[in-house]
Amino acid sequence: MTDGERPGDDRALAAAETLARWMDGRLLDPLLGFFAPWAGDLVSAGLGLYPVLLAWRRGAPGALVARMLLNLSVDLLGGAVPVLGDVWDFFFRAHSRNLALLRARSAAGEVAASPRDRLVVIGAVAVFVLALAVPIGLLVWGVSALLRS
């Protein structure tokens, strides 16, 4: 443990590693999308926010946090496509990508964020919110279509 780390950080990183192992290594991400279309993608993205929040809490530069959010957004948008999205989730492993970014950040020294990094984060959050809107809209449309029939 380095001087800047707190005792709970190792457990937090271990939890992020476990999450990535289950979501990508044990294929929970594509299975959630297959068995619960759109809703499963939302659950996966929600769980994927944990390493992003961990990176933010550790003082990661905004550009890193933005990159992690973009990984989740790409995974969420790709996974929202019926059937093909489930295949996409087998190959695009956002949780493992974000874990690799988090590990690299944890091994490096502290890096100060610049004002430009904050703009990148705001842009990435906007893209992530739009990515969330797609499966939510599809889910609402699907449920309303079922209720009408």
N, C-alpha and C. Protein backbone atom coordinates (compact mmCIF):
# COMPACT_ATOMS: atom_id res chain seq x y z
N MET A 1 0.86 -1.17 0.00
CA MET A 1 0.00 0.00 0.00
C MET A 1 0.90 1.23 0.00
N THR A 2 0.59 2.21 -0.87
CA THR A 2 1.38 3.42 -0.92
C THR A 2 0.87 4.42 0.10
N ASP A 3 1.62 5.51 0.24
CA ASP A 3 1.26 6.51 1.25
C ASP A 3 -0.12 7.11 1.05
N GLY A 4 -0.55 7.32 -0.21
CA GLY A 4 -1.81 8.00 -0.47
C GLY A 4 -3.04 7.10 -0.37
N GLU A 5 -2.84 5.81 -0.25
CA GLU A 5 -3.98 4.90 -0.22
C GLU A 5 -4.53 4.73 1.19
N ARG A 6 -5.81 4.44 1.26
CA ARG A 6 -6.46 4.16 2.53
C ARG A 6 -6.61 2.65 2.67
N PRO A 7 -6.75 2.14 3.89
CA PRO A 7 -6.84 0.69 4.10
C PRO A 7 -7.94 0.00 3.31
N GLY A 8 -9.08 0.64 3.10
CA GLY A 8 -10.19 0.00 2.40
C GLY A 8 -10.01 -0.06 0.89
N ASP A 9 -8.99 0.65 0.37
CA ASP A 9 -8.80 0.70 -1.07
C ASP A 9 -8.48 -0.66 -1.67
N ASP A 10 -7.70 -1.48 -0.99
CA ASP A 10 -7.38 -2.80 -1.53
C ASP A 10 -8.64 -3.65 -1.66
N ARG A 11 -9.52 -3.54 -0.69
CA ARG A 11 -10.79 -4.28 -0.75
C ARG A 11 -11.67 -3.74 -1.87
N ALA A 12 -11.65 -2.43 -2.06
CA ALA A 12 -12.45 -1.82 -3.12
C ALA A 12 -11.94 -2.28 -4.49
N LEU A 13 -10.64 -2.32 -4.67
CA LEU A 13 -10.08 -2.79 -5.93
C LEU A 13 -10.37 -4.27 -6.13
N ALA A 14 -10.30 -5.05 -5.06
CA ALA A 14 -10.64 -6.48 -5.14
C ALA A 14 -12.10 -6.66 -5.54
N ALA A 15 -12.99 -5.81 -5.04
CA ALA A 15 -14.40 -5.88 -5.41
C ALA A 15 -14.58 -5.54 -6.89
N ALA A 16 -13.84 -4.56 -7.38
CA ALA A 16 -13.90 -4.20 -8.80
C ALA A 16 -13.38 -5.35 -9.66
N GLU A 17 -12.35 -6.03 -9.19
CA GLU A 17 -11.81 -7.19 -9.92
C GLU A 17 -12.83 -8.33 -9.95
N THR A 18 -13.49 -8.57 -8.84
CA THR A 18 -14.52 -9.61 -8.79
C THR A 18 -15.67 -9.27 -9.73
N LEU A 19 -16.08 -8.01 -9.74
CA LEU A 19 -17.15 -7.57 -10.63
C LEU A 19 -16.78 -7.82 -12.09
N ALA A 20 -15.57 -7.43 -12.48
CA ALA A 20 -15.14 -7.64 -13.88
C ALA A 20 -15.06 -9.12 -14.21
N ARG A 21 -14.58 -9.91 -13.26
CA ARG A 21 -14.47 -11.36 -13.50
C ARG A 21 -15.86 -11.97 -13.74
N TRP A 22 -16.84 -11.56 -12.94
CA TRP A 22 -18.19 -12.11 -13.11
C TRP A 22 -18.86 -11.58 -14.38
N MET A 23 -18.75 -10.29 -14.62
CA MET A 23 -19.45 -9.70 -15.75
C MET A 23 -18.87 -10.14 -17.09
N ASP A 24 -17.56 -10.18 -17.21
CA ASP A 24 -16.94 -10.50 -18.49
C ASP A 24 -16.37 -11.92 -18.53
N GLY A 25 -15.64 -12.31 -17.50
CA GLY A 25 -15.02 -13.62 -17.49
C GLY A 25 -16.02 -14.76 -17.39
N ARG A 26 -17.04 -14.56 -16.58
CA ARG A 26 -18.08 -15.60 -16.42
C ARG A 26 -19.32 -15.29 -17.24
N LEU A 27 -19.20 -14.30 -18.11
CA LEU A 27 -20.22 -13.98 -19.12
C LEU A 27 -21.56 -13.54 -18.56
N LEU A 28 -21.56 -12.97 -17.36
CA LEU A 28 -22.82 -12.48 -16.80
C LEU A 28 -23.39 -11.32 -17.62
N ASP A 29 -22.53 -10.46 -18.16
CA ASP A 29 -22.99 -9.33 -18.95
C ASP A 29 -23.81 -9.78 -20.16
N PRO A 30 -23.28 -10.67 -21.03
CA PRO A 30 -24.11 -11.10 -22.17
C PRO A 30 -25.33 -11.92 -21.75
N LEU A 31 -25.22 -12.67 -20.67
CA LEU A 31 -26.36 -13.47 -20.21
C LEU A 31 -27.49 -12.58 -19.70
N LEU A 32 -27.13 -11.51 -18.98
CA LEU A 32 -28.15 -10.57 -18.51
C LEU A 32 -28.89 -9.96 -19.70
N GLY A 33 -28.12 -9.55 -20.72
CA GLY A 33 -28.73 -8.96 -21.90
C GLY A 33 -29.59 -9.94 -22.67
N PHE A 34 -29.20 -11.22 -22.67
CA PHE A 34 -29.96 -12.23 -23.40
C PHE A 34 -31.28 -12.57 -22.70
N PHE A 35 -31.20 -12.79 -21.38
CA PHE A 35 -32.39 -13.22 -20.64
C PHE A 35 -33.29 -12.06 -20.22
N ALA A 36 -32.74 -10.86 -20.15
CA ALA A 36 -33.55 -9.68 -19.81
C ALA A 36 -33.16 -8.55 -20.76
N PRO A 37 -33.63 -8.63 -22.02
CA PRO A 37 -33.24 -7.61 -23.00
C PRO A 37 -33.50 -6.21 -22.47
N TRP A 38 -32.57 -5.34 -22.75
CA TRP A 38 -32.56 -3.94 -22.37
C TRP A 38 -32.44 -3.76 -20.86
N ALA A 39 -33.25 -4.41 -20.07
CA ALA A 39 -33.14 -4.28 -18.61
C ALA A 39 -31.82 -4.86 -18.13
N GLY A 40 -31.41 -5.99 -18.69
CA GLY A 40 -30.14 -6.59 -18.32
C GLY A 40 -28.97 -5.70 -18.68
N ASP A 41 -29.07 -5.00 -19.81
CA ASP A 41 -28.02 -4.07 -20.22
C ASP A 41 -27.93 -2.90 -19.23
N LEU A 42 -29.08 -2.46 -18.75
CA LEU A 42 -29.10 -1.38 -17.75
C LEU A 42 -28.48 -1.83 -16.44
N VAL A 43 -28.79 -3.05 -16.01
CA VAL A 43 -28.22 -3.58 -14.77
C VAL A 43 -26.70 -3.69 -14.92
N SER A 44 -26.26 -4.20 -16.06
CA SER A 44 -24.83 -4.35 -16.31
C SER A 44 -24.12 -2.99 -16.27
N ALA A 45 -24.72 -2.00 -16.91
CA ALA A 45 -24.12 -0.66 -16.91
C ALA A 45 -24.11 -0.07 -15.50
N GLY A 46 -25.18 -0.30 -14.76
CA GLY A 46 -25.24 0.19 -13.38
C GLY A 46 -24.14 -0.41 -12.53
N LEU A 47 -23.94 -1.72 -12.66
CA LEU A 47 -22.86 -2.37 -11.91
C LEU A 47 -21.50 -1.87 -12.38
N GLY A 48 -21.41 -1.57 -13.67
CA GLY A 48 -20.15 -1.07 -14.22
C GLY A 48 -19.77 0.30 -13.73
N LEU A 49 -20.69 1.01 -13.11
CA LEU A 49 -20.37 2.32 -12.56
C LEU A 49 -19.49 2.23 -11.31
N TYR A 50 -19.48 1.06 -10.65
CA TYR A 50 -18.68 0.94 -9.42
C TYR A 50 -17.20 1.26 -9.65
N PRO A 51 -16.52 0.64 -10.63
CA PRO A 51 -15.10 0.98 -10.83
C PRO A 51 -14.91 2.44 -11.27
N VAL A 52 -15.89 2.99 -11.99
CA VAL A 52 -15.80 4.39 -12.39
C VAL A 52 -15.82 5.29 -11.16
N LEU A 53 -16.76 5.01 -10.26
CA LEU A 53 -16.84 5.79 -9.02
C LEU A 53 -15.60 5.59 -8.15
N LEU A 54 -15.06 4.39 -8.16
CA LEU A 54 -13.84 4.11 -7.41
C LEU A 54 -12.68 4.93 -7.96
N ALA A 55 -12.57 4.98 -9.28
CA ALA A 55 -11.51 5.78 -9.90
C ALA A 55 -11.68 7.25 -9.56
N TRP A 56 -12.92 7.73 -9.62
CA TRP A 56 -13.20 9.14 -9.30
C TRP A 56 -12.82 9.43 -7.84
N ARG A 57 -13.21 8.51 -6.94
CA ARG A 57 -12.91 8.69 -5.52
C ARG A 57 -11.41 8.73 -5.25
N ARG A 58 -10.66 7.97 -6.04
CA ARG A 58 -9.21 7.94 -5.87
C ARG A 58 -8.51 9.13 -6.51
N GLY A 59 -9.28 10.01 -7.09
CA GLY A 59 -8.68 11.22 -7.66
C GLY A 59 -8.12 11.02 -9.06
N ALA A 60 -8.67 10.05 -9.79
CA ALA A 60 -8.21 9.81 -11.16
C ALA A 60 -8.48 11.04 -12.02
N PRO A 61 -7.63 11.26 -13.00
CA PRO A 61 -7.87 12.40 -13.90
C PRO A 61 -9.20 12.24 -14.64
N GLY A 62 -9.81 13.35 -14.95
CA GLY A 62 -11.10 13.33 -15.62
C GLY A 62 -11.08 12.57 -16.94
N ALA A 63 -9.97 12.65 -17.65
CA ALA A 63 -9.88 11.94 -18.93
C ALA A 63 -9.99 10.44 -18.73
N LEU A 64 -9.45 9.93 -17.64
CA LEU A 64 -9.54 8.49 -17.36
C LEU A 64 -10.98 8.11 -17.02
N VAL A 65 -11.62 8.90 -16.19
CA VAL A 65 -13.01 8.64 -15.82
C VAL A 65 -13.89 8.71 -17.07
N ALA A 66 -13.62 9.68 -17.93
CA ALA A 66 -14.39 9.81 -19.17
C ALA A 66 -14.21 8.58 -20.05
N ARG A 67 -12.98 8.10 -20.14
CA ARG A 67 -12.73 6.91 -20.95
C ARG A 67 -13.48 5.70 -20.40
N MET A 68 -13.53 5.58 -19.08
CA MET A 68 -14.26 4.47 -18.47
C MET A 68 -15.76 4.59 -18.76
N LEU A 69 -16.30 5.80 -18.67
CA LEU A 69 -17.72 6.02 -18.98
C LEU A 69 -18.01 5.72 -20.45
N LEU A 70 -17.09 6.08 -21.32
CA LEU A 70 -17.28 5.80 -22.74
C LEU A 70 -17.26 4.30 -23.01
N ASN A 71 -16.39 3.56 -22.31
CA ASN A 71 -16.40 2.10 -22.44
C ASN A 71 -17.77 1.54 -22.07
N LEU A 72 -18.32 2.02 -20.96
CA LEU A 72 -19.65 1.55 -20.54
C LEU A 72 -20.72 1.95 -21.55
N SER A 73 -20.60 3.14 -22.11
CA SER A 73 -21.58 3.62 -23.09
C SER A 73 -21.57 2.76 -24.35
N VAL A 74 -20.37 2.45 -24.83
CA VAL A 74 -20.25 1.62 -26.03
C VAL A 74 -20.82 0.23 -25.75
N ASP A 75 -20.53 -0.31 -24.58
CA ASP A 75 -21.07 -1.62 -24.20
C ASP A 75 -22.59 -1.58 -24.11
N LEU A 76 -23.12 -0.53 -23.52
CA LEU A 76 -24.56 -0.38 -23.35
C LEU A 76 -25.27 -0.22 -24.68
N LEU A 77 -24.75 0.63 -25.55
CA LEU A 77 -25.38 0.83 -26.86
C LEU A 77 -25.29 -0.42 -27.72
N GLY A 78 -24.13 -1.06 -27.73
CA GLY A 78 -23.97 -2.28 -28.51
C GLY A 78 -24.86 -3.39 -27.98
N GLY A 79 -24.94 -3.52 -26.66
CA GLY A 79 -25.75 -4.57 -26.05
C GLY A 79 -27.24 -4.37 -26.20
N ALA A 80 -27.67 -3.15 -26.52
CA ALA A 80 -29.10 -2.86 -26.63
C ALA A 80 -29.71 -3.39 -27.92
N VAL A 81 -28.87 -3.76 -28.88
CA VAL A 81 -29.38 -4.30 -30.15
C VAL A 81 -29.79 -5.76 -29.92
N PRO A 82 -31.06 -6.09 -30.16
CA PRO A 82 -31.50 -7.47 -29.91
C PRO A 82 -30.64 -8.50 -30.65
N VAL A 83 -30.33 -9.57 -30.00
CA VAL A 83 -29.55 -10.72 -30.45
C VAL A 83 -28.10 -10.33 -30.80
N LEU A 84 -27.90 -9.43 -31.75
CA LEU A 84 -26.54 -9.01 -32.10
C LEU A 84 -25.84 -8.36 -30.90
N GLY A 85 -26.60 -7.67 -30.08
CA GLY A 85 -26.04 -7.03 -28.89
C GLY A 85 -25.50 -8.04 -27.91
N ASP A 86 -26.14 -9.20 -27.83
CA ASP A 86 -25.65 -10.25 -26.93
C ASP A 86 -24.33 -10.81 -27.43
N VAL A 87 -24.21 -10.93 -28.74
CA VAL A 87 -22.93 -11.35 -29.34
C VAL A 87 -21.88 -10.27 -29.08
N TRP A 88 -22.28 -9.01 -29.25
CA TRP A 88 -21.38 -7.87 -28.98
C TRP A 88 -20.82 -7.95 -27.56
N ASP A 89 -21.68 -8.27 -26.61
CA ASP A 89 -21.26 -8.32 -25.20
C ASP A 89 -20.23 -9.41 -24.94
N PHE A 90 -20.19 -10.44 -25.77
CA PHE A 90 -19.16 -11.48 -25.62
C PHE A 90 -17.78 -10.95 -25.99
N PHE A 91 -17.74 -10.01 -26.93
CA PHE A 91 -16.46 -9.54 -27.46
C PHE A 91 -16.01 -8.21 -26.88
N PHE A 92 -16.93 -7.29 -26.62
CA PHE A 92 -16.56 -6.00 -26.05
C PHE A 92 -16.72 -6.08 -24.54
N ARG A 93 -15.64 -6.22 -23.86
CA ARG A 93 -15.66 -6.47 -22.41
C ARG A 93 -15.34 -5.17 -21.66
N ALA A 94 -16.35 -4.33 -21.52
CA ALA A 94 -16.16 -3.02 -20.91
C ALA A 94 -15.69 -3.12 -19.47
N HIS A 95 -16.19 -4.10 -18.73
CA HIS A 95 -15.83 -4.23 -17.32
C HIS A 95 -14.35 -4.56 -17.18
N SER A 96 -13.85 -5.45 -18.02
CA SER A 96 -12.42 -5.79 -17.99
C SER A 96 -11.56 -4.64 -18.47
N ARG A 97 -12.03 -3.92 -19.48
CA ARG A 97 -11.29 -2.74 -19.96
C ARG A 97 -11.17 -1.70 -18.85
N ASN A 98 -12.29 -1.46 -18.16
CA ASN A 98 -12.27 -0.46 -17.09
C ASN A 98 -11.42 -0.92 -15.91
N LEU A 99 -11.41 -2.20 -15.63
CA LEU A 99 -10.56 -2.72 -14.57
C LEU A 99 -9.09 -2.49 -14.93
N ALA A 100 -8.73 -2.74 -16.19
CA ALA A 100 -7.35 -2.51 -16.62
C ALA A 100 -6.98 -1.03 -16.47
N LEU A 101 -7.89 -0.15 -16.81
CA LEU A 101 -7.64 1.28 -16.63
C LEU A 101 -7.49 1.62 -15.14
N LEU A 102 -8.34 1.04 -14.31
CA LEU A 102 -8.29 1.30 -12.87
C LEU A 102 -6.99 0.77 -12.27
N ARG A 103 -6.57 -0.41 -12.68
CA ARG A 103 -5.30 -0.96 -12.19
C ARG A 103 -4.13 -0.08 -12.59
N ALA A 104 -4.13 0.36 -13.84
CA ALA A 104 -3.04 1.23 -14.31
C ALA A 104 -3.03 2.52 -13.51
N ARG A 105 -4.20 3.03 -13.19
CA ARG A 105 -4.30 4.27 -12.42
C ARG A 105 -3.84 4.05 -10.99
N SER A 106 -4.17 2.92 -10.42
CA SER A 106 -3.78 2.63 -9.04
C SER A 106 -2.28 2.42 -8.91
N ALA A 107 -1.65 1.93 -9.96
CA ALA A 107 -0.21 1.68 -9.92
C ALA A 107 0.58 2.95 -10.17
N ALA A 108 -0.02 3.94 -10.80
CA ALA A 108 0.69 5.17 -11.13
C ALA A 108 0.61 6.16 -9.97
N GLY A 109 1.47 7.17 -10.03
CA GLY A 109 1.43 8.23 -9.02
C GLY A 109 0.23 9.13 -9.25
N GLU A 110 -0.01 10.02 -8.33
CA GLU A 110 -1.14 10.94 -8.44
C GLU A 110 -0.93 11.86 -9.63
N VAL A 111 -1.98 12.09 -10.39
CA VAL A 111 -1.96 12.97 -11.54
C VAL A 111 -3.03 14.03 -11.32
N ALA A 112 -2.65 15.28 -11.38
CA ALA A 112 -3.62 16.35 -11.16
C ALA A 112 -4.52 16.51 -12.37
N ALA A 113 -5.78 16.71 -12.13
CA ALA A 113 -6.75 16.92 -13.21
C ALA A 113 -6.69 18.37 -13.66
N SER A 114 -6.88 18.58 -14.95
CA SER A 114 -6.90 19.93 -15.49
C SER A 114 -8.34 20.35 -15.74
N PRO A 115 -8.60 21.64 -15.96
CA PRO A 115 -9.97 22.06 -16.27
C PRO A 115 -10.51 21.37 -17.52
N ARG A 116 -9.63 21.10 -18.49
CA ARG A 116 -10.07 20.42 -19.71
C ARG A 116 -10.57 19.01 -19.40
N ASP A 117 -9.95 18.33 -18.43
CA ASP A 117 -10.40 17.00 -18.04
C ASP A 117 -11.85 17.04 -17.58
N ARG A 118 -12.21 18.08 -16.87
CA ARG A 118 -13.59 18.20 -16.40
C ARG A 118 -14.57 18.29 -17.56
N LEU A 119 -14.19 19.01 -18.62
CA LEU A 119 -15.05 19.09 -19.80
C LEU A 119 -15.19 17.73 -20.47
N VAL A 120 -14.11 16.96 -20.49
CA VAL A 120 -14.17 15.61 -21.07
C VAL A 120 -15.14 14.75 -20.26
N VAL A 121 -15.08 14.88 -18.94
CA VAL A 121 -15.97 14.10 -18.08
C VAL A 121 -17.43 14.49 -18.32
N ILE A 122 -17.70 15.77 -18.43
CA ILE A 122 -19.07 16.22 -18.69
C ILE A 122 -19.57 15.65 -20.01
N GLY A 123 -18.73 15.67 -21.03
CA GLY A 123 -19.11 15.10 -22.33
C GLY A 123 -19.35 13.61 -22.24
N ALA A 124 -18.50 12.90 -21.50
CA ALA A 124 -18.66 11.45 -21.36
C ALA A 124 -19.92 11.13 -20.58
N VAL A 125 -20.24 11.89 -19.56
CA VAL A 125 -21.47 11.68 -18.79
C VAL A 125 -22.68 11.88 -19.70
N ALA A 126 -22.63 12.91 -20.55
CA ALA A 126 -23.74 13.16 -21.47
C ALA A 126 -23.92 11.98 -22.42
N VAL A 127 -22.82 11.45 -22.94
CA VAL A 127 -22.91 10.29 -23.84
C VAL A 127 -23.46 9.09 -23.08
N PHE A 128 -23.02 8.90 -21.85
CA PHE A 128 -23.50 7.77 -21.05
C PHE A 128 -25.00 7.88 -20.77
N VAL A 129 -25.47 9.09 -20.45
CA VAL A 129 -26.90 9.29 -20.20
C VAL A 129 -27.70 9.00 -21.48
N LEU A 130 -27.19 9.44 -22.62
CA LEU A 130 -27.86 9.13 -23.88
C LEU A 130 -27.87 7.62 -24.14
N ALA A 131 -26.75 6.96 -23.81
CA ALA A 131 -26.67 5.51 -23.97
C ALA A 131 -27.68 4.82 -23.06
N LEU A 132 -27.89 5.35 -21.87
CA LEU A 132 -28.90 4.78 -20.97
C LEU A 132 -30.31 4.99 -21.51
N ALA A 133 -30.53 6.11 -22.19
CA ALA A 133 -31.86 6.42 -22.69
C ALA A 133 -32.32 5.44 -23.76
N VAL A 134 -31.38 4.91 -24.55
CA VAL A 134 -31.76 4.00 -25.64
C VAL A 134 -32.42 2.73 -25.10
N PRO A 135 -31.77 1.96 -24.21
CA PRO A 135 -32.46 0.75 -23.73
C PRO A 135 -33.69 1.06 -22.87
N ILE A 136 -33.67 2.17 -22.15
CA ILE A 136 -34.86 2.54 -21.37
C ILE A 136 -36.02 2.80 -22.32
N GLY A 137 -35.78 3.55 -23.38
CA GLY A 137 -36.82 3.82 -24.36
C GLY A 137 -37.32 2.56 -25.02
N LEU A 138 -36.39 1.66 -25.38
CA LEU A 138 -36.78 0.39 -25.99
C LEU A 138 -37.57 -0.47 -25.02
N LEU A 139 -37.17 -0.46 -23.76
CA LEU A 139 -37.88 -1.24 -22.74
C LEU A 139 -39.31 -0.71 -22.56
N VAL A 140 -39.44 0.60 -22.46
CA VAL A 140 -40.77 1.21 -22.32
C VAL A 140 -41.62 0.90 -23.55
N TRP A 141 -41.02 1.03 -24.74
CA TRP A 141 -41.74 0.73 -25.98
C TRP A 141 -42.17 -0.74 -26.00
N GLY A 142 -41.27 -1.65 -25.62
CA GLY A 142 -41.59 -3.08 -25.62
C GLY A 142 -42.69 -3.43 -24.65
N VAL A 143 -42.63 -2.88 -23.44
CA VAL A 143 -43.66 -3.16 -22.44
C VAL A 143 -45.00 -2.58 -22.88
N SER A 144 -45.00 -1.35 -23.43
CA SER A 144 -46.27 -0.78 -23.87
C SER A 144 -46.85 -1.55 -25.06
N ALA A 145 -45.99 -2.08 -25.92
CA ALA A 145 -46.48 -2.89 -27.04
C ALA A 145 -47.10 -4.20 -26.53
N LEU A 146 -46.48 -4.78 -25.50
CA LEU A 146 -47.04 -6.00 -24.91
C LEU A 146 -48.38 -5.73 -24.23
N LEU A 147 -48.47 -4.60 -23.56
CA LEU A 147 -49.71 -4.27 -22.86
C LEU A 147 -50.85 -3.96 -23.83
N ARG A 148 -50.50 -3.43 -25.01
CA ARG A 148 -51.52 -3.13 -26.02
C ARG A 148 -52.05 -4.39 -26.69
N SER A 149 -51.23 -5.47 -26.73
CA SER A 149 -51.69 -6.67 -27.42
C SER A 149 -52.56 -7.55 -26.59
